[in-house]
Amino acid sequence: MSAPRAQRDRLGEALRAIVRARRTAPPATRQEAATPPSLAEMGLRLAALEREVGEVRSRVNGLLFAVVASVIAQLASKLVAG
């Protein structure tokens, strides 16, 4: 019975050490939030955001073009058949 108890004690100590380490070490997100980004970082973020918006815009335009082409094709087939 002493062997399982010793394992539980070691496990408990390990868990307590992990909890202590998490409490004492500040997460990286808190450090980033504490210091405002520089103008260069903000410029890089803005450029990345503009690229993403451009990609989404081109996807939406492509989808819209496909829908319009499909509608025109359906109308043309109805006109020819009718």
PDB file of N, CA and C in Angstrom:
ATOM      1  N   MET A   1       0.807  -1.191   0.000  1.00  0.00           N
ATOM      2  CA  MET A   1       0.000   0.000   0.000  1.00  0.00           C
ATOM      3  C   MET A   1       0.855   1.262   0.000  1.00  0.00           C
ATOM      4  N   SER A   2       2.082   1.177   0.452  1.00  0.00           N
ATOM      5  CA  SER A   2       2.903   2.380   0.528  1.00  0.00           C
ATOM      6  C   SER A   2       3.368   2.836  -0.856  1.00  0.00           C
ATOM      7  N   ALA A   3       3.538   1.902  -1.802  1.00  0.00           N
ATOM      8  CA  ALA A   3       3.990   2.286  -3.143  1.00  0.00           C
ATOM      9  C   ALA A   3       2.950   3.141  -3.865  1.00  0.00           C
ATOM     10  N   PRO A   4       1.664   2.757  -3.903  1.00  0.00           N
ATOM     11  CA  PRO A   4       0.686   3.633  -4.569  1.00  0.00           C
ATOM     12  C   PRO A   4       0.560   4.986  -3.882  1.00  0.00           C
ATOM     13  N   ARG A   5       0.683   4.999  -2.562  1.00  0.00           N
ATOM     14  CA  ARG A   5       0.578   6.270  -1.847  1.00  0.00           C
ATOM     15  C   ARG A   5       1.750   7.179  -2.204  1.00  0.00           C
ATOM     16  N   ALA A   6       2.938   6.607  -2.333  1.00  0.00           N
ATOM     17  CA  ALA A   6       4.113   7.400  -2.713  1.00  0.00           C
ATOM     18  C   ALA A   6       3.940   7.959  -4.122  1.00  0.00           C
ATOM     19  N   GLN A   7       3.355   7.168  -5.022  1.00  0.00           N
ATOM     20  CA  GLN A   7       3.110   7.649  -6.383  1.00  0.00           C
ATOM     21  C   GLN A   7       2.098   8.790  -6.370  1.00  0.00           C
ATOM     22  N   ARG A   8       1.050   8.656  -5.555  1.00  0.00           N
ATOM     23  CA  ARG A   8       0.053   9.721  -5.461  1.00  0.00           C
ATOM     24  C   ARG A   8       0.675  10.993  -4.911  1.00  0.00           C
ATOM     25  N   ASP A   9       1.568  10.846  -3.920  1.00  0.00           N
ATOM     26  CA  ASP A   9       2.226  12.020  -3.356  1.00  0.00           C
ATOM     27  C   ASP A   9       3.093  12.715  -4.407  1.00  0.00           C
ATOM     28  N   ARG A  10       3.820  11.929  -5.197  1.00  0.00           N
ATOM     29  CA  ARG A  10       4.652  12.522  -6.245  1.00  0.00           C
ATOM     30  C   ARG A  10       3.792  13.183  -7.315  1.00  0.00           C
ATOM     31  N   LEU A  11       2.683  12.541  -7.647  1.00  0.00           N
ATOM     32  CA  LEU A  11       1.772  13.125  -8.630  1.00  0.00           C
ATOM     33  C   LEU A  11       1.189  14.435  -8.102  1.00  0.00           C
ATOM     34  N   GLY A  12       0.805  14.427  -6.833  1.00  0.00           N
ATOM     35  CA  GLY A  12       0.279  15.651  -6.227  1.00  0.00           C
ATOM     36  C   GLY A  12       1.311  16.761  -6.212  1.00  0.00           C
ATOM     37  N   GLU A  13       2.550  16.419  -5.887  1.00  0.00           N
ATOM     38  CA  GLU A  13       3.614  17.427  -5.887  1.00  0.00           C
ATOM     39  C   GLU A  13       3.850  17.975  -7.288  1.00  0.00           C
ATOM     40  N   ALA A  14       3.818  17.096  -8.271  1.00  0.00           N
ATOM     41  CA  ALA A  14       4.023  17.538  -9.651  1.00  0.00           C
ATOM     42  C   ALA A  14       2.900  18.465 -10.096  1.00  0.00           C
ATOM     43  N   LEU A  15       1.669  18.117  -9.749  1.00  0.00           N
ATOM     44  CA  LEU A  15       0.536  18.971 -10.115  1.00  0.00           C
ATOM     45  C   LEU A  15       0.615  20.327  -9.422  1.00  0.00           C
ATOM     46  N   ARG A  16       0.995  20.325  -8.148  1.00  0.00           N
ATOM     47  CA  ARG A  16       1.135  21.593  -7.435  1.00  0.00           C
ATOM     48  C   ARG A  16       2.247  22.450  -8.046  1.00  0.00           C
ATOM     49  N   ALA A  17       3.330  21.812  -8.477  1.00  0.00           N
ATOM     50  CA  ALA A  17       4.423  22.558  -9.111  1.00  0.00           C
ATOM     51  C   ALA A  17       3.963  23.184 -10.421  1.00  0.00           C
ATOM     52  N   ILE A  18       3.153  22.458 -11.190  1.00  0.00           N
ATOM     53  CA  ILE A  18       2.631  23.004 -12.448  1.00  0.00           C
ATOM     54  C   ILE A  18       1.734  24.202 -12.173  1.00  0.00           C
ATOM     55  N   VAL A  19       0.869  24.072 -11.172  1.00  0.00           N
ATOM     56  CA  VAL A  19      -0.034  25.180 -10.834  1.00  0.00           C
ATOM     57  C   VAL A  19       0.764  26.391 -10.376  1.00  0.00           C
ATOM     58  N   ARG A  20       1.784  26.174  -9.558  1.00  0.00           N
ATOM     59  CA  ARG A  20       2.617  27.291  -9.100  1.00  0.00           C
ATOM     60  C   ARG A  20       3.319  27.963 -10.274  1.00  0.00           C
ATOM     61  N   ALA A  21       3.824  27.157 -11.202  1.00  0.00           N
ATOM     62  CA  ALA A  21       4.527  27.718 -12.361  1.00  0.00           C
ATOM     63  C   ALA A  21       3.580  28.551 -13.215  1.00  0.00           C
ATOM     64  N   ARG A  22       2.352  28.102 -13.365  1.00  0.00           N
ATOM     65  CA  ARG A  22       1.386  28.865 -14.166  1.00  0.00           C
ATOM     66  C   ARG A  22       1.009  30.172 -13.481  1.00  0.00           C
ATOM     67  N   ARG A  23       0.945  30.154 -12.166  1.00  0.00           N
ATOM     68  CA  ARG A  23       0.572  31.376 -11.437  1.00  0.00           C
ATOM     69  C   ARG A  23       1.681  32.415 -11.481  1.00  0.00           C
ATOM     70  N   THR A  24       2.927  31.975 -11.414  1.00  0.00           N
ATOM     71  CA  THR A  24       4.032  32.926 -11.334  1.00  0.00           C
ATOM     72  C   THR A  24       4.461  33.438 -12.698  1.00  0.00           C
ATOM     73  N   ALA A  25       4.349  32.643 -13.750  1.00  0.00           N
ATOM     74  CA  ALA A  25       4.787  33.073 -15.076  1.00  0.00           C
ATOM     75  C   ALA A  25       3.642  33.775 -15.797  1.00  0.00           C
ATOM     76  N   PRO A  26       3.817  35.048 -16.149  1.00  0.00           N
ATOM     77  CA  PRO A  26       2.744  35.739 -16.878  1.00  0.00           C
ATOM     78  C   PRO A  26       2.664  35.221 -18.309  1.00  0.00           C
ATOM     79  N   PRO A  27       1.476  35.039 -18.816  1.00  0.00           N
ATOM     80  CA  PRO A  27       1.355  34.570 -20.192  1.00  0.00           C
ATOM     81  C   PRO A  27       1.824  35.633 -21.177  1.00  0.00           C
ATOM     82  N   ALA A  28       2.206  35.187 -22.360  1.00  0.00           N
ATOM     83  CA  ALA A  28       2.741  36.099 -23.371  1.00  0.00           C
ATOM     84  C   ALA A  28       1.694  37.110 -23.810  1.00  0.00           C
ATOM     85  N   THR A  29       0.428  36.712 -23.806  1.00  0.00           N
ATOM     86  CA  THR A  29      -0.613  37.642 -24.259  1.00  0.00           C
ATOM     87  C   THR A  29      -0.740  38.819 -23.312  1.00  0.00           C
ATOM     88  N   ARG A  30      -0.538  38.594 -22.035  1.00  0.00           N
ATOM     89  CA  ARG A  30      -0.602  39.709 -21.087  1.00  0.00           C
ATOM     90  C   ARG A  30       0.552  40.669 -21.322  1.00  0.00           C
ATOM     91  N   GLN A  31       1.719  40.135 -21.621  1.00  0.00           N
ATOM     92  CA  GLN A  31       2.868  40.991 -21.871  1.00  0.00           C
ATOM     93  C   GLN A  31       2.654  41.808 -23.136  1.00  0.00           C
ATOM     94  N   GLU A  32       2.088  41.185 -24.169  1.00  0.00           N
ATOM     95  CA  GLU A  32       1.838  41.905 -25.410  1.00  0.00           C
ATOM     96  C   GLU A  32       0.788  42.990 -25.198  1.00  0.00           C
ATOM     97  N   ALA A  33      -0.227  42.693 -24.403  1.00  0.00           N
ATOM     98  CA  ALA A  33      -1.286  43.669 -24.169  1.00  0.00           C
ATOM     99  C   ALA A  33      -0.784  44.832 -23.321  1.00  0.00           C
ATOM    100  N   ALA A  34       0.201  44.588 -22.482  1.00  0.00           N
ATOM    101  CA  ALA A  34       0.705  45.635 -21.605  1.00  0.00           C
ATOM    102  C   ALA A  34       1.486  46.681 -22.392  1.00  0.00           C
ATOM    103  N   THR A  35       2.187  46.266 -23.456  1.00  0.00           N
ATOM    104  CA  THR A  35       2.949  47.218 -24.252  1.00  0.00           C
ATOM    105  C   THR A  35       2.232  47.434 -25.577  1.00  0.00           C
ATOM    106  N   PRO A  36       1.921  48.670 -25.907  1.00  0.00           N
ATOM    107  CA  PRO A  36       1.229  48.919 -27.175  1.00  0.00           C
ATOM    108  C   PRO A  36       2.158  48.625 -28.352  1.00  0.00           C
ATOM    109  N   PRO A  37       1.588  48.185 -29.465  1.00  0.00           N
ATOM    110  CA  PRO A  37       2.437  47.878 -30.621  1.00  0.00           C
ATOM    111  C   PRO A  37       3.036  49.150 -31.214  1.00  0.00           C
ATOM    112  N   SER A  38       4.195  49.002 -31.808  1.00  0.00           N
ATOM    113  CA  SER A  38       4.845  50.153 -32.427  1.00  0.00           C
ATOM    114  C   SER A  38       4.167  50.473 -33.756  1.00  0.00           C
ATOM    115  N   LEU A  39       4.513  51.608 -34.310  1.00  0.00           N
ATOM    116  CA  LEU A  39       3.933  52.002 -35.596  1.00  0.00           C
ATOM    117  C   LEU A  39       4.311  51.019 -36.696  1.00  0.00           C
ATOM    118  N   ALA A  40       5.526  50.496 -36.647  1.00  0.00           N
ATOM    119  CA  ALA A  40       5.953  49.527 -37.658  1.00  0.00           C
ATOM    120  C   ALA A  40       5.123  48.248 -37.561  1.00  0.00           C
ATOM    121  N   GLU A  41       4.899  47.771 -36.329  1.00  0.00           N
ATOM    122  CA  GLU A  41       4.075  46.570 -36.149  1.00  0.00           C
ATOM    123  C   GLU A  41       2.651  46.812 -36.616  1.00  0.00           C
ATOM    124  N   MET A  42       2.123  47.993 -36.297  1.00  0.00           N
ATOM    125  CA  MET A  42       0.765  48.311 -36.731  1.00  0.00           C
ATOM    126  C   MET A  42       0.685  48.387 -38.252  1.00  0.00           C
ATOM    127  N   GLY A  43       1.731  48.916 -38.880  1.00  0.00           N
ATOM    128  CA  GLY A  43       1.775  48.969 -40.340  1.00  0.00           C
ATOM    129  C   GLY A  43       1.795  47.583 -40.953  1.00  0.00           C
ATOM    130  N   LEU A  44       2.572  46.680 -40.350  1.00  0.00           N
ATOM    131  CA  LEU A  44       2.623  45.303 -40.850  1.00  0.00           C
ATOM    132  C   LEU A  44       1.281  44.608 -40.678  1.00  0.00           C
ATOM    133  N   ARG A  45       0.652  44.827 -39.529  1.00  0.00           N
ATOM    134  CA  ARG A  45      -0.666  44.223 -39.300  1.00  0.00           C
ATOM    135  C   ARG A  45      -1.696  44.761 -40.285  1.00  0.00           C
ATOM    136  N   LEU A  46      -1.632  46.066 -40.544  1.00  0.00           N
ATOM    137  CA  LEU A  46      -2.563  46.679 -41.488  1.00  0.00           C
ATOM    138  C   LEU A  46      -2.345  46.133 -42.895  1.00  0.00           C
ATOM    139  N   ALA A  47      -1.094  45.977 -43.291  1.00  0.00           N
ATOM    140  CA  ALA A  47      -0.805  45.429 -44.619  1.00  0.00           C
ATOM    141  C   ALA A  47      -1.314  43.998 -44.737  1.00  0.00           C
ATOM    142  N   ALA A  48      -1.131  43.206 -43.687  1.00  0.00           N
ATOM    143  CA  ALA A  48      -1.629  41.825 -43.709  1.00  0.00           C
ATOM    144  C   ALA A  48      -3.150  41.806 -43.778  1.00  0.00           C
ATOM    145  N   LEU A  49      -3.781  42.694 -43.035  1.00  0.00           N
ATOM    146  CA  LEU A  49      -5.243  42.769 -43.058  1.00  0.00           C
ATOM    147  C   LEU A  49      -5.749  43.199 -44.432  1.00  0.00           C
ATOM    148  N   GLU A  50      -5.062  44.154 -45.054  1.00  0.00           N
ATOM    149  CA  GLU A  50      -5.451  44.582 -46.398  1.00  0.00           C
ATOM    150  C   GLU A  50      -5.318  43.440 -47.403  1.00  0.00           C
ATOM    151  N   ARG A  51      -4.265  42.627 -47.269  1.00  0.00           N
ATOM    152  CA  ARG A  51      -4.108  41.464 -48.160  1.00  0.00           C
ATOM    153  C   ARG A  51      -5.251  40.484 -47.971  1.00  0.00           C
ATOM    154  N   GLU A  52      -5.607  40.221 -46.711  1.00  0.00           N
ATOM    155  CA  GLU A  52      -6.708  39.294 -46.438  1.00  0.00           C
ATOM    156  C   GLU A  52      -8.021  39.817 -47.000  1.00  0.00           C
ATOM    157  N   VAL A  53      -8.270  41.115 -46.835  1.00  0.00           N
ATOM    158  CA  VAL A  53      -9.499  41.708 -47.366  1.00  0.00           C
ATOM    159  C   VAL A  53      -9.509  41.602 -48.885  1.00  0.00           C
ATOM    160  N   GLY A  54      -8.374  41.829 -49.517  1.00  0.00           N
ATOM    161  CA  GLY A  54      -8.281  41.701 -50.971  1.00  0.00           C
ATOM    162  C   GLY A  54      -8.570  40.286 -51.439  1.00  0.00           C
ATOM    163  N   GLU A  55      -8.045  39.293 -50.708  1.00  0.00           N
ATOM    164  CA  GLU A  55      -8.310  37.896 -51.063  1.00  0.00           C
ATOM    165  C   GLU A  55      -9.791  37.571 -50.930  1.00  0.00           C
ATOM    166  N   VAL A  56     -10.399  38.013 -49.848  1.00  0.00           N
ATOM    167  CA  VAL A  56     -11.829  37.748 -49.641  1.00  0.00           C
ATOM    168  C   VAL A  56     -12.648  38.457 -50.707  1.00  0.00           C
ATOM    169  N   ARG A  57     -12.273  39.672 -51.034  1.00  0.00           N
ATOM    170  CA  ARG A  57     -12.995  40.424 -52.066  1.00  0.00           C
ATOM    171  C   ARG A  57     -12.926  39.696 -53.406  1.00  0.00           C
ATOM    172  N   SER A  58     -11.753  39.181 -53.755  1.00  0.00           N
ATOM    173  CA  SER A  58     -11.639  38.478 -55.038  1.00  0.00           C
ATOM    174  C   SER A  58     -12.444  37.183 -55.025  1.00  0.00           C
ATOM    175  N   ARG A  59     -12.496  36.493 -53.897  1.00  0.00           N
ATOM    176  CA  ARG A  59     -13.321  35.278 -53.802  1.00  0.00           C
ATOM    177  C   ARG A  59     -14.798  35.609 -53.959  1.00  0.00           C
ATOM    178  N   VAL A  60     -15.236  36.671 -53.294  1.00  0.00           N
ATOM    179  CA  VAL A  60     -16.643  37.075 -53.385  1.00  0.00           C
ATOM    180  C   VAL A  60     -16.972  37.492 -54.810  1.00  0.00           C
ATOM    181  N   ASN A  61     -16.089  38.246 -55.446  1.00  0.00           N
ATOM    182  CA  ASN A  61     -16.325  38.648 -56.829  1.00  0.00           C
ATOM    183  C   ASN A  61     -16.396  37.434 -57.752  1.00  0.00           C
ATOM    184  N   GLY A  62     -15.534  36.456 -57.530  1.00  0.00           N
ATOM    185  CA  GLY A  62     -15.576  35.236 -58.337  1.00  0.00           C
ATOM    186  C   GLY A  62     -16.874  34.479 -58.146  1.00  0.00           C
ATOM    187  N   LEU A  63     -17.320  34.386 -56.914  1.00  0.00           N
ATOM    188  CA  LEU A  63     -18.582  33.699 -56.628  1.00  0.00           C
ATOM    189  C   LEU A  63     -19.752  34.449 -57.248  1.00  0.00           C
ATOM    190  N   LEU A  64     -19.752  35.755 -57.127  1.00  0.00           N
ATOM    191  CA  LEU A  64     -20.818  36.563 -57.725  1.00  0.00           C
ATOM    192  C   LEU A  64     -20.840  36.402 -59.245  1.00  0.00           C
ATOM    193  N   PHE A  65     -19.671  36.393 -59.862  1.00  0.00           N
ATOM    194  CA  PHE A  65     -19.592  36.197 -61.307  1.00  0.00           C
ATOM    195  C   PHE A  65     -20.149  34.833 -61.695  1.00  0.00           C
ATOM    196  N   ALA A  66     -19.831  33.799 -60.916  1.00  0.00           N
ATOM    197  CA  ALA A  66     -20.342  32.456 -61.213  1.00  0.00           C
ATOM    198  C   ALA A  66     -21.858  32.412 -61.091  1.00  0.00           C
ATOM    199  N   VAL A  67     -22.416  33.065 -60.090  1.00  0.00           N
ATOM    200  CA  VAL A  67     -23.873  33.076 -59.909  1.00  0.00           C
ATOM    201  C   VAL A  67     -24.543  33.819 -61.061  1.00  0.00           C
ATOM    202  N   VAL A  68     -24.003  34.971 -61.421  1.00  0.00           N
ATOM    203  CA  VAL A  68     -24.587  35.745 -62.524  1.00  0.00           C
ATOM    204  C   VAL A  68     -24.493  34.962 -63.827  1.00  0.00           C
ATOM    205  N   ALA A  69     -23.378  34.314 -64.076  1.00  0.00           N
ATOM    206  CA  ALA A  69     -23.229  33.510 -65.292  1.00  0.00           C
ATOM    207  C   ALA A  69     -24.230  32.362 -65.303  1.00  0.00           C
ATOM    208  N   SER A  70     -24.453  31.736 -64.159  1.00  0.00           N
ATOM    209  CA  SER A  70     -25.423  30.643 -64.075  1.00  0.00           C
ATOM    210  C   SER A  70     -26.839  31.139 -64.349  1.00  0.00           C
ATOM    211  N   VAL A  71     -27.191  32.279 -63.792  1.00  0.00           N
ATOM    212  CA  VAL A  71     -28.531  32.837 -64.014  1.00  0.00           C
ATOM    213  C   VAL A  71     -28.717  33.196 -65.484  1.00  0.00           C
ATOM    214  N   ILE A  72     -27.714  33.805 -66.096  1.00  0.00           N
ATOM    215  CA  ILE A  72     -27.814  34.157 -67.519  1.00  0.00           C
ATOM    216  C   ILE A  72     -27.940  32.900 -68.370  1.00  0.00           C
ATOM    217  N   ALA A  73     -27.191  31.854 -68.033  1.00  0.00           N
ATOM    218  CA  ALA A  73     -27.284  30.604 -68.789  1.00  0.00           C
ATOM    219  C   ALA A  73     -28.667  29.987 -68.652  1.00  0.00           C
ATOM    220  N   GLN A  74     -29.241  30.019 -67.459  1.00  0.00           N
ATOM    221  CA  GLN A  74     -30.593  29.478 -67.267  1.00  0.00           C
ATOM    222  C   GLN A  74     -31.627  30.290 -68.036  1.00  0.00           C
ATOM    223  N   LEU A  75     -31.510  31.605 -68.019  1.00  0.00           N
ATOM    224  CA  LEU A  75     -32.437  32.449 -68.769  1.00  0.00           C
ATOM    225  C   LEU A  75     -32.315  32.197 -70.271  1.00  0.00           C
ATOM    226  N   ALA A  76     -31.091  32.052 -70.737  1.00  0.00           N
ATOM    227  CA  ALA A  76     -30.886  31.790 -72.163  1.00  0.00           C
ATOM    228  C   ALA A  76     -31.482  30.449 -72.564  1.00  0.00           C
ATOM    229  N   SER A  77     -31.314  29.430 -71.697  1.00  0.00           N
ATOM    230  CA  SER A  77     -31.878  28.118 -72.040  1.00  0.00           C
ATOM    231  C   SER A  77     -33.405  28.153 -72.039  1.00  0.00           C
ATOM    232  N   LYS A  78     -34.001  28.942 -71.167  1.00  0.00           N
ATOM    233  CA  LYS A  78     -35.464  29.067 -71.145  1.00  0.00           C
ATOM    234  C   LYS A  78     -35.965  29.817 -72.379  1.00  0.00           C
ATOM    235  N   LEU A  79     -35.216  30.834 -72.800  1.00  0.00           N
ATOM    236  CA  LEU A  79     -35.614  31.577 -73.992  1.00  0.00           C
ATOM    237  C   LEU A  79     -35.526  30.708 -75.244  1.00  0.00           C
ATOM    238  N   VAL A  80     -34.482  29.899 -75.323  1.00  0.00           N
ATOM    239  CA  VAL A  80     -34.309  29.027 -76.485  1.00  0.00           C
ATOM    240  C   VAL A  80     -35.369  27.932 -76.475  1.00  0.00           C
ATOM    241  N   ALA A  81     -35.665  27.381 -75.307  1.00  0.00           N
ATOM    242  CA  ALA A  81     -36.638  26.286 -75.207  1.00  0.00           C
ATOM    243  C   ALA A  81     -38.069  26.801 -75.344  1.00  0.00           C
ATOM    244  N   GLY A  82     -38.331  28.007 -74.947  1.00  0.00           N
ATOM    245  CA  GLY A  82     -39.695  28.509 -74.855  1.00  0.00           C
ATOM    246  C   GLY A  82     -40.175  29.153 -76.075  1.00  0.00           C
TER     247      GLY A  82
END
